[in-house]
Amino acid sequence: MSFEKNQCERELDEFLSSLEEHNIFKNNYFNHLTAVKWTPDTYELYRANFFYRTELTVKGIAHVCARASEVNDMDTLILFAYILGEETGMGNKAHCHEVFMENALNLFGETEFGIAPLKVVDAKKSPLIIPETLAYREKILDLITSSYQRMLGVAMALETHADQMLTTFREAFRLTRRKMDIDIFKHDVEVYFNAHVDNGVEERHAADARQCVKNNCQNLDDLNEIIFGANEVLKVQQSMWDAMYDNTLKLESGTVIVEGEEYA
């Protein structure tokens, strides 16, 4: 093994270990959601932005598969094709995670707050979408259409982030639930989060993504691209969560937010 290859492996391992302690996992929005119940307004803010953010996930995974096929990276294609299969219900549309998400969050909103349902595909039209969510999607699209290694860094960082994010949101739903029957909640709402979090599914996705990164880190240029992609996507995701926290506090204080303007 060359000195450069050895150095790359060592630095990549150090970087991957450091991601587990990234500040994004301690962001104010996550902390707030596990301590303060949603109101109708803060829940609608969450639902619209989470829908629009997450609607990009399957498209991103499919893009990884397409590019892996293009460069004949069979290992990455196999691992991400399986992840894509799980996200899309392994051929059963009713088990597609986007369908789970839409049904679960709409049922919860209607039962707890009397909020009308929102289609995932219509979330982009919502006046509640904040600029930082738009910036998140734009940044993702920019990063995953860049170098192959940069794209893999993005995918790995997002898979690393997913388990903690979904676990936190599950706790937020549990905290807020008041009216919904507990059995219905577990069967029809919590199922979306459990399908990702339970049985180590998201942990496996993250491990698979890390392996794909390792397979494609042959020199210092590869390493730098992987680290850049991962850092940039976590930076823009952190900005989105920070903005969600700020807007949540404004709504809780009675400030009305309309198309970027605020009214007390």
C-alpha atoms as a PDB file:
ATOM      1  CA  MET A   1       0.000   0.000   0.000  1.00  0.00           C
ATOM      2  CA  SER A   2       1.350   3.436  -0.971  1.00  0.00           C
ATOM      3  CA  PHE A   3       2.009   6.118   1.614  1.00  0.00           C
ATOM      4  CA  GLU A   4      -0.718   8.301   0.072  1.00  0.00           C
ATOM      5  CA  LYS A   5      -3.299   5.501   0.192  1.00  0.00           C
ATOM      6  CA  ASN A   6      -2.413   4.729   3.802  1.00  0.00           C
ATOM      7  CA  GLN A   7      -2.706   8.399   4.722  1.00  0.00           C
ATOM      8  CA  CYS A   8      -6.090   8.650   2.983  1.00  0.00           C
ATOM      9  CA  GLU A   9      -7.493   5.674   4.866  1.00  0.00           C
ATOM     10  CA  ARG A  10      -6.285   7.035   8.195  1.00  0.00           C
ATOM     11  CA  GLU A  11      -7.653  10.537   7.616  1.00  0.00           C
ATOM     12  CA  LEU A  12     -10.949   9.217   6.256  1.00  0.00           C
ATOM     13  CA  ASP A  13     -11.437   6.995   9.307  1.00  0.00           C
ATOM     14  CA  GLU A  14     -10.756   9.984  11.548  1.00  0.00           C
ATOM     15  CA  PHE A  15     -13.241  12.104   9.619  1.00  0.00           C
ATOM     16  CA  LEU A  16     -15.956   9.439   9.724  1.00  0.00           C
ATOM     17  CA  SER A  17     -15.491   9.063  13.478  1.00  0.00           C
ATOM     18  CA  SER A  18     -15.731  12.827  13.956  1.00  0.00           C
ATOM     19  CA  LEU A  19     -19.102  12.927  12.171  1.00  0.00           C
ATOM     20  CA  GLU A  20     -20.658  10.962  15.020  1.00  0.00           C
ATOM     21  CA  GLU A  21     -20.058  13.968  17.286  1.00  0.00           C
ATOM     22  CA  HIS A  22     -21.060  16.626  14.773  1.00  0.00           C
ATOM     23  CA  ASN A  23     -22.779  19.718  16.174  1.00  0.00           C
ATOM     24  CA  ILE A  24     -25.796  19.101  13.957  1.00  0.00           C
ATOM     25  CA  PHE A  25     -26.964  16.375  16.320  1.00  0.00           C
ATOM     26  CA  LYS A  26     -27.149  18.919  19.157  1.00  0.00           C
ATOM     27  CA  ASN A  27     -28.961  21.641  17.219  1.00  0.00           C
ATOM     28  CA  ASN A  28     -31.502  23.846  18.991  1.00  0.00           C
ATOM     29  CA  TYR A  29     -34.430  22.660  16.877  1.00  0.00           C
ATOM     30  CA  PHE A  30     -33.940  19.020  17.839  1.00  0.00           C
ATOM     31  CA  ASN A  31     -33.555  19.943  21.491  1.00  0.00           C
ATOM     32  CA  HIS A  32     -36.663  22.146  21.378  1.00  0.00           C
ATOM     33  CA  LEU A  33     -38.880  19.510  19.784  1.00  0.00           C
ATOM     34  CA  THR A  34     -38.167  16.981  22.518  1.00  0.00           C
ATOM     35  CA  ALA A  35     -39.000  19.508  25.255  1.00  0.00           C
ATOM     36  CA  VAL A  36     -41.858  21.654  23.891  1.00  0.00           C
ATOM     37  CA  LYS A  37     -45.087  20.361  22.335  1.00  0.00           C
ATOM     38  CA  TRP A  38     -46.071  21.436  18.854  1.00  0.00           C
ATOM     39  CA  THR A  39     -48.833  23.998  18.378  1.00  0.00           C
ATOM     40  CA  PRO A  40     -51.002  23.935  15.241  1.00  0.00           C
ATOM     41  CA  ASP A  41     -48.817  26.629  13.665  1.00  0.00           C
ATOM     42  CA  THR A  42     -45.447  25.102  14.556  1.00  0.00           C
ATOM     43  CA  TYR A  43     -46.629  21.684  13.427  1.00  0.00           C
ATOM     44  CA  GLU A  44     -47.713  23.004  10.037  1.00  0.00           C
ATOM     45  CA  LEU A  45     -44.326  24.696   9.689  1.00  0.00           C
ATOM     46  CA  TYR A  46     -42.582  21.410  10.480  1.00  0.00           C
ATOM     47  CA  ARG A  47     -44.772  19.299   8.186  1.00  0.00           C
ATOM     48  CA  ALA A  48     -44.426  21.512   5.111  1.00  0.00           C
ATOM     49  CA  ASN A  49     -40.663  21.891   5.395  1.00  0.00           C
ATOM     50  CA  PHE A  50     -40.007  18.278   6.349  1.00  0.00           C
ATOM     51  CA  PHE A  51     -42.127  17.113   3.411  1.00  0.00           C
ATOM     52  CA  TYR A  52     -40.270  19.336   0.956  1.00  0.00           C
ATOM     53  CA  ARG A  53     -36.869  18.451   2.406  1.00  0.00           C
ATOM     54  CA  THR A  54     -37.506  14.712   2.438  1.00  0.00           C
ATOM     55  CA  GLU A  55     -39.199  14.551  -0.966  1.00  0.00           C
ATOM     56  CA  LEU A  56     -35.693  14.916  -2.395  1.00  0.00           C
ATOM     57  CA  THR A  57     -34.346  11.823  -0.588  1.00  0.00           C
ATOM     58  CA  VAL A  58     -35.497   9.117  -2.992  1.00  0.00           C
ATOM     59  CA  LYS A  59     -34.495  11.230  -5.977  1.00  0.00           C
ATOM     60  CA  GLY A  60     -31.021  11.632  -4.498  1.00  0.00           C
ATOM     61  CA  ILE A  61     -30.621   7.913  -3.849  1.00  0.00           C
ATOM     62  CA  ALA A  62     -31.778   7.119  -7.389  1.00  0.00           C
ATOM     63  CA  HIS A  63     -29.191   9.590  -8.675  1.00  0.00           C
ATOM     64  CA  VAL A  64     -26.449   7.795  -6.729  1.00  0.00           C
ATOM     65  CA  CYS A  65     -27.538   4.509  -8.329  1.00  0.00           C
ATOM     66  CA  ALA A  66     -27.495   6.020 -11.817  1.00  0.00           C
ATOM     67  CA  ARG A  67     -24.026   7.472 -11.412  1.00  0.00           C
ATOM     68  CA  ALA A  68     -22.677   4.297  -9.801  1.00  0.00           C
ATOM     69  CA  SER A  69     -23.925   2.363 -12.811  1.00  0.00           C
ATOM     70  CA  GLU A  70     -22.375   4.902 -15.170  1.00  0.00           C
ATOM     71  CA  VAL A  71     -18.877   4.507 -13.632  1.00  0.00           C
ATOM     72  CA  ASN A  72     -19.250   0.725 -13.153  1.00  0.00           C
ATOM     73  CA  ASP A  73     -19.110   0.960  -9.352  1.00  0.00           C
ATOM     74  CA  MET A  74     -20.980  -2.280  -8.780  1.00  0.00           C
ATOM     75  CA  ASP A  75     -20.637  -2.310  -4.979  1.00  0.00           C
ATOM     76  CA  THR A  76     -22.168   1.145  -4.593  1.00  0.00           C
ATOM     77  CA  LEU A  77     -24.900   0.326  -7.101  1.00  0.00           C
ATOM     78  CA  ILE A  78     -25.871  -2.830  -5.195  1.00  0.00           C
ATOM     79  CA  LEU A  79     -25.896  -1.189  -1.757  1.00  0.00           C
ATOM     80  CA  PHE A  80     -27.784   1.934  -2.817  1.00  0.00           C
ATOM     81  CA  ALA A  81     -30.192  -0.017  -5.017  1.00  0.00           C
ATOM     82  CA  TYR A  82     -31.176  -1.953  -1.895  1.00  0.00           C
ATOM     83  CA  ILE A  83     -31.586   1.281   0.075  1.00  0.00           C
ATOM     84  CA  LEU A  84     -33.711   2.649  -2.779  1.00  0.00           C
ATOM     85  CA  GLY A  85     -35.794  -0.518  -2.718  1.00  0.00           C
ATOM     86  CA  GLU A  86     -36.460  -0.119   0.989  1.00  0.00           C
ATOM     87  CA  GLU A  87     -37.358   3.554   0.596  1.00  0.00           C
ATOM     88  CA  THR A  88     -39.841   2.686  -2.141  1.00  0.00           C
ATOM     89  CA  GLY A  89     -41.474  -0.220  -0.318  1.00  0.00           C
ATOM     90  CA  MET A  90     -39.671  -3.098  -2.068  1.00  0.00           C
ATOM     91  CA  GLY A  91     -42.196  -2.949  -4.890  1.00  0.00           C
ATOM     92  CA  ASN A  92     -45.239  -2.328  -2.686  1.00  0.00           C
ATOM     93  CA  LYS A  93     -46.414   1.288  -3.066  1.00  0.00           C
ATOM     94  CA  ALA A  94     -48.384   1.087   0.172  1.00  0.00           C
ATOM     95  CA  HIS A  95     -45.113   0.462   2.024  1.00  0.00           C
ATOM     96  CA  CYS A  96     -43.231   3.271   0.285  1.00  0.00           C
ATOM     97  CA  HIS A  97     -41.726   5.466   2.986  1.00  0.00           C
ATOM     98  CA  GLU A  98     -42.987   8.632   1.316  1.00  0.00           C
ATOM     99  CA  VAL A  99     -46.526   7.242   1.505  1.00  0.00           C
ATOM    100  CA  PHE A 100     -45.970   6.303   5.158  1.00  0.00           C
ATOM    101  CA  MET A 101     -44.712   9.833   5.843  1.00  0.00           C
ATOM    102  CA  GLU A 102     -47.590  11.597   4.111  1.00  0.00           C
ATOM    103  CA  ASN A 103     -50.278   9.452   5.717  1.00  0.00           C
ATOM    104  CA  ALA A 104     -48.719   9.547   9.189  1.00  0.00           C
ATOM    105  CA  LEU A 105     -48.096  13.271   9.397  1.00  0.00           C
ATOM    106  CA  ASN A 106     -51.460  14.185   7.878  1.00  0.00           C
ATOM    107  CA  LEU A 107     -53.371  11.870  10.202  1.00  0.00           C
ATOM    108  CA  PHE A 108     -51.556  13.297  13.202  1.00  0.00           C
ATOM    109  CA  GLY A 109     -52.174  16.884  12.122  1.00  0.00           C
ATOM    110  CA  GLU A 110     -55.857  16.275  11.479  1.00  0.00           C
ATOM    111  CA  THR A 111     -56.440  14.378  14.735  1.00  0.00           C
ATOM    112  CA  GLU A 112     -54.420  16.574  17.088  1.00  0.00           C
ATOM    113  CA  PHE A 113     -54.954  19.997  15.511  1.00  0.00           C
ATOM    114  CA  GLY A 114     -57.745  19.771  12.929  1.00  0.00           C
ATOM    115  CA  ILE A 115     -55.279  20.640  10.159  1.00  0.00           C
ATOM    116  CA  ALA A 116     -56.168  19.846   6.549  1.00  0.00           C
ATOM    117  CA  PRO A 117     -53.944  17.256   4.842  1.00  0.00           C
ATOM    118  CA  LEU A 118     -51.014  18.239   2.642  1.00  0.00           C
ATOM    119  CA  LYS A 119     -49.686  16.172  -0.256  1.00  0.00           C
ATOM    120  CA  VAL A 120     -45.921  15.716  -0.268  1.00  0.00           C
ATOM    121  CA  VAL A 121     -45.771  16.757  -3.919  1.00  0.00           C
ATOM    122  CA  ASP A 122     -47.651  19.972  -3.062  1.00  0.00           C
ATOM    123  CA  ALA A 123     -45.405  20.989  -0.177  1.00  0.00           C
ATOM    124  CA  LYS A 124     -43.261  23.117  -2.508  1.00  0.00           C
ATOM    125  CA  LYS A 125     -46.269  25.405  -3.011  1.00  0.00           C
ATOM    126  CA  SER A 126     -46.760  26.019   0.707  1.00  0.00           C
ATOM    127  CA  PRO A 127     -46.184  29.603   1.929  1.00  0.00           C
ATOM    128  CA  LEU A 128     -44.587  28.020   5.011  1.00  0.00           C
ATOM    129  CA  ILE A 129     -41.515  26.836   3.121  1.00  0.00           C
ATOM    130  CA  ILE A 130     -38.594  28.828   4.497  1.00  0.00           C
ATOM    131  CA  PRO A 131     -35.671  30.116   2.383  1.00  0.00           C
ATOM    132  CA  GLU A 132     -33.262  27.776   4.165  1.00  0.00           C
ATOM    133  CA  THR A 133     -35.230  24.715   3.023  1.00  0.00           C
ATOM    134  CA  LEU A 134     -35.044  25.979  -0.554  1.00  0.00           C
ATOM    135  CA  ALA A 135     -31.308  26.538  -0.084  1.00  0.00           C
ATOM    136  CA  TYR A 136     -30.942  22.997   1.272  1.00  0.00           C
ATOM    137  CA  ARG A 137     -32.469  21.475  -1.835  1.00  0.00           C
ATOM    138  CA  GLU A 138     -30.500  23.710  -4.175  1.00  0.00           C
ATOM    139  CA  LYS A 139     -27.243  22.843  -2.408  1.00  0.00           C
ATOM    140  CA  ILE A 140     -27.953  19.103  -2.504  1.00  0.00           C
ATOM    141  CA  LEU A 141     -28.631  19.213  -6.234  1.00  0.00           C
ATOM    142  CA  ASP A 142     -25.443  21.181  -6.808  1.00  0.00           C
ATOM    143  CA  LEU A 143     -23.297  18.809  -4.753  1.00  0.00           C
ATOM    144  CA  ILE A 144     -24.597  15.515  -6.130  1.00  0.00           C
ATOM    145  CA  THR A 145     -24.094  16.625  -9.722  1.00  0.00           C
ATOM    146  CA  SER A 146     -20.446  17.449  -9.054  1.00  0.00           C
ATOM    147  CA  SER A 147     -17.643  14.877  -8.743  1.00  0.00           C
ATOM    148  CA  TYR A 148     -18.471  11.252  -7.963  1.00  0.00           C
ATOM    149  CA  GLN A 149     -16.590  11.316  -4.659  1.00  0.00           C
ATOM    150  CA  ARG A 150     -18.303  14.546  -3.612  1.00  0.00           C
ATOM    151  CA  MET A 151     -21.676  12.963  -4.316  1.00  0.00           C
ATOM    152  CA  LEU A 152     -20.767   9.943  -2.176  1.00  0.00           C
ATOM    153  CA  GLY A 153     -19.690  12.255   0.638  1.00  0.00           C
ATOM    154  CA  VAL A 154     -23.103  13.910   0.520  1.00  0.00           C
ATOM    155  CA  ALA A 155     -24.970  10.588   0.539  1.00  0.00           C
ATOM    156  CA  MET A 156     -22.877   9.283   3.421  1.00  0.00           C
ATOM    157  CA  ALA A 157     -23.404  12.420   5.526  1.00  0.00           C
ATOM    158  CA  LEU A 158     -27.164  12.366   4.982  1.00  0.00           C
ATOM    159  CA  GLU A 159     -27.422   8.688   5.892  1.00  0.00           C
ATOM    160  CA  THR A 160     -25.341   9.370   9.014  1.00  0.00           C
ATOM    161  CA  HIS A 161     -27.711  12.198   9.949  1.00  0.00           C
ATOM    162  CA  ALA A 162     -30.944  10.293   9.286  1.00  0.00           C
ATOM    163  CA  ASP A 163     -31.051   8.011  12.335  1.00  0.00           C
ATOM    164  CA  GLN A 164     -30.701  10.809  14.888  1.00  0.00           C
ATOM    165  CA  MET A 165     -33.089  13.062  12.989  1.00  0.00           C
ATOM    166  CA  LEU A 166     -35.859  10.477  12.777  1.00  0.00           C
ATOM    167  CA  THR A 167     -35.368   9.348  16.365  1.00  0.00           C
ATOM    168  CA  THR A 168     -35.712  12.960  17.523  1.00  0.00           C
ATOM    169  CA  PHE A 169     -38.842  13.537  15.465  1.00  0.00           C
ATOM    170  CA  ARG A 170     -40.417  10.344  16.798  1.00  0.00           C
ATOM    171  CA  GLU A 171     -39.882  11.673  20.319  1.00  0.00           C
ATOM    172  CA  ALA A 172     -41.518  14.960  19.314  1.00  0.00           C
ATOM    173  CA  PHE A 173     -44.637  13.141  18.093  1.00  0.00           C
ATOM    174  CA  ARG A 174     -44.791  11.100  21.278  1.00  0.00           C
ATOM    175  CA  LEU A 175     -44.494  14.270  23.371  1.00  0.00           C
ATOM    176  CA  THR A 176     -47.249  16.133  21.515  1.00  0.00           C
ATOM    177  CA  ARG A 177     -49.809  13.314  21.211  1.00  0.00           C
ATOM    178  CA  ARG A 178     -52.873  14.050  23.326  1.00  0.00           C
ATOM    179  CA  LYS A 179     -56.068  13.204  21.429  1.00  0.00           C
ATOM    180  CA  MET A 180     -55.017  10.298  19.237  1.00  0.00           C
ATOM    181  CA  ASP A 181     -55.617   6.805  20.589  1.00  0.00           C
ATOM    182  CA  ILE A 182     -52.284   5.252  21.508  1.00  0.00           C
ATOM    183  CA  ASP A 183     -52.874   2.123  19.414  1.00  0.00           C
ATOM    184  CA  ILE A 184     -53.792   4.170  16.336  1.00  0.00           C
ATOM    185  CA  PHE A 185     -50.772   6.382  16.957  1.00  0.00           C
ATOM    186  CA  LYS A 186     -48.405   3.428  17.071  1.00  0.00           C
ATOM    187  CA  HIS A 187     -49.964   1.666  14.090  1.00  0.00           C
ATOM    188  CA  ASP A 188     -50.542   4.608  11.760  1.00  0.00           C
ATOM    189  CA  VAL A 189     -48.141   7.395  12.794  1.00  0.00           C
ATOM    190  CA  GLU A 190     -45.162   5.989  14.611  1.00  0.00           C
ATOM    191  CA  VAL A 191     -44.890   3.278  11.958  1.00  0.00           C
ATOM    192  CA  TYR A 192     -43.210   5.769   9.622  1.00  0.00           C
ATOM    193  CA  PHE A 193     -40.385   6.448  12.061  1.00  0.00           C
ATOM    194  CA  ASN A 194     -40.156   2.863  13.245  1.00  0.00           C
ATOM    195  CA  ALA A 195     -39.739   1.635   9.681  1.00  0.00           C
ATOM    196  CA  HIS A 196     -36.534   3.675   9.528  1.00  0.00           C
ATOM    197  CA  VAL A 197     -35.220   3.580  13.077  1.00  0.00           C
ATOM    198  CA  ASP A 198     -36.144   0.162  14.460  1.00  0.00           C
ATOM    199  CA  ASN A 199     -34.096  -2.922  13.646  1.00  0.00           C
ATOM    200  CA  GLY A 200     -31.089  -0.757  12.848  1.00  0.00           C
ATOM    201  CA  VAL A 201     -32.244   0.078   9.309  1.00  0.00           C
ATOM    202  CA  GLU A 202     -30.838   3.617   9.263  1.00  0.00           C
ATOM    203  CA  GLU A 203     -27.674   2.484  11.010  1.00  0.00           C
ATOM    204  CA  ARG A 204     -27.179  -0.098   8.264  1.00  0.00           C
ATOM    205  CA  HIS A 205     -27.793   2.522   5.583  1.00  0.00           C
ATOM    206  CA  ALA A 206     -25.155   4.740   7.164  1.00  0.00           C
ATOM    207  CA  ALA A 207     -22.683   1.842   7.408  1.00  0.00           C
ATOM    208  CA  ASP A 208     -23.272   0.929   3.754  1.00  0.00           C
ATOM    209  CA  ALA A 209     -22.743   4.546   2.680  1.00  0.00           C
ATOM    210  CA  ARG A 210     -19.503   4.736   4.678  1.00  0.00           C
ATOM    211  CA  GLN A 211     -18.272   1.567   2.961  1.00  0.00           C
ATOM    212  CA  CYS A 212     -19.007   3.074  -0.446  1.00  0.00           C
ATOM    213  CA  VAL A 213     -16.989   6.136   0.506  1.00  0.00           C
ATOM    214  CA  LYS A 214     -14.073   4.002   1.648  1.00  0.00           C
ATOM    215  CA  ASN A 215     -14.156   2.010  -1.584  1.00  0.00           C
ATOM    216  CA  ASN A 216     -13.828   5.195  -3.592  1.00  0.00           C
ATOM    217  CA  CYS A 217     -11.129   6.989  -1.632  1.00  0.00           C
ATOM    218  CA  GLN A 218      -7.906   6.172  -3.450  1.00  0.00           C
ATOM    219  CA  ASN A 219      -5.949   9.404  -3.141  1.00  0.00           C
ATOM    220  CA  LEU A 220      -5.928  12.788  -1.430  1.00  0.00           C
ATOM    221  CA  ASP A 221      -8.065  14.383  -4.144  1.00  0.00           C
ATOM    222  CA  ASP A 222     -10.761  11.758  -3.510  1.00  0.00           C
ATOM    223  CA  LEU A 223     -10.503  12.343   0.231  1.00  0.00           C
ATOM    224  CA  ASN A 224     -10.861  16.100  -0.116  1.00  0.00           C
ATOM    225  CA  GLU A 225     -13.915  15.747  -2.351  1.00  0.00           C
ATOM    226  CA  ILE A 226     -15.600  13.324   0.068  1.00  0.00           C
ATOM    227  CA  ILE A 227     -14.940  15.570   3.056  1.00  0.00           C
ATOM    228  CA  PHE A 228     -16.065  18.682   1.165  1.00  0.00           C
ATOM    229  CA  GLY A 229     -19.359  17.088   0.103  1.00  0.00           C
ATOM    230  CA  ALA A 230     -20.104  15.802   3.593  1.00  0.00           C
ATOM    231  CA  ASN A 231     -19.246  19.068   5.332  1.00  0.00           C
ATOM    232  CA  GLU A 232     -21.179  21.220   2.883  1.00  0.00           C
ATOM    233  CA  VAL A 233     -24.370  19.202   3.125  1.00  0.00           C
ATOM    234  CA  LEU A 234     -24.272  19.125   6.921  1.00  0.00           C
ATOM    235  CA  LYS A 235     -23.620  22.876   6.928  1.00  0.00           C
ATOM    236  CA  VAL A 236     -26.689  23.627   4.826  1.00  0.00           C
ATOM    237  CA  GLN A 237     -28.777  21.135   6.834  1.00  0.00           C
ATOM    238  CA  GLN A 238     -27.657  22.831  10.055  1.00  0.00           C
ATOM    239  CA  SER A 239     -28.727  26.193   8.629  1.00  0.00           C
ATOM    240  CA  MET A 240     -32.156  24.776   7.858  1.00  0.00           C
ATOM    241  CA  TRP A 241     -32.635  23.403  11.377  1.00  0.00           C
ATOM    242  CA  ASP A 242     -31.414  26.676  12.898  1.00  0.00           C
ATOM    243  CA  ALA A 243     -33.931  28.609  10.808  1.00  0.00           C
ATOM    244  CA  MET A 244     -36.701  26.173  11.721  1.00  0.00           C
ATOM    245  CA  TYR A 245     -35.901  26.796  15.385  1.00  0.00           C
ATOM    246  CA  ASP A 246     -35.977  30.577  14.948  1.00  0.00           C
ATOM    247  CA  ASN A 247     -39.279  30.477  13.065  1.00  0.00           C
ATOM    248  CA  THR A 248     -40.778  28.102  15.623  1.00  0.00           C
ATOM    249  CA  LEU A 249     -39.943  30.514  18.443  1.00  0.00           C
ATOM    250  CA  LYS A 250     -41.533  33.362  16.504  1.00  0.00           C
ATOM    251  CA  LEU A 251     -44.727  31.391  15.982  1.00  0.00           C
ATOM    252  CA  GLU A 252     -44.818  30.410  19.638  1.00  0.00           C
ATOM    253  CA  SER A 253     -44.463  34.066  20.624  1.00  0.00           C
ATOM    254  CA  GLY A 254     -47.382  35.064  18.410  1.00  0.00           C
ATOM    255  CA  THR A 255     -45.421  36.544  15.532  1.00  0.00           C
ATOM    256  CA  VAL A 256     -47.101  35.900  12.179  1.00  0.00           C
ATOM    257  CA  ILE A 257     -44.733  35.127   9.309  1.00  0.00           C
ATOM    258  CA  VAL A 258     -46.051  35.940   5.832  1.00  0.00           C
ATOM    259  CA  GLU A 259     -43.784  35.665   2.775  1.00  0.00           C
ATOM    260  CA  GLY A 260     -40.692  36.776   4.645  1.00  0.00           C
ATOM    261  CA  GLU A 261     -42.395  39.569   6.615  1.00  0.00           C
ATOM    262  CA  GLU A 262     -43.214  39.460  10.300  1.00  0.00           C
ATOM    263  CA  TYR A 263     -46.196  40.892  12.116  1.00  0.00           C
ATOM    264  CA  ALA A 264     -46.491  40.919  15.892  1.00  0.00           C
END
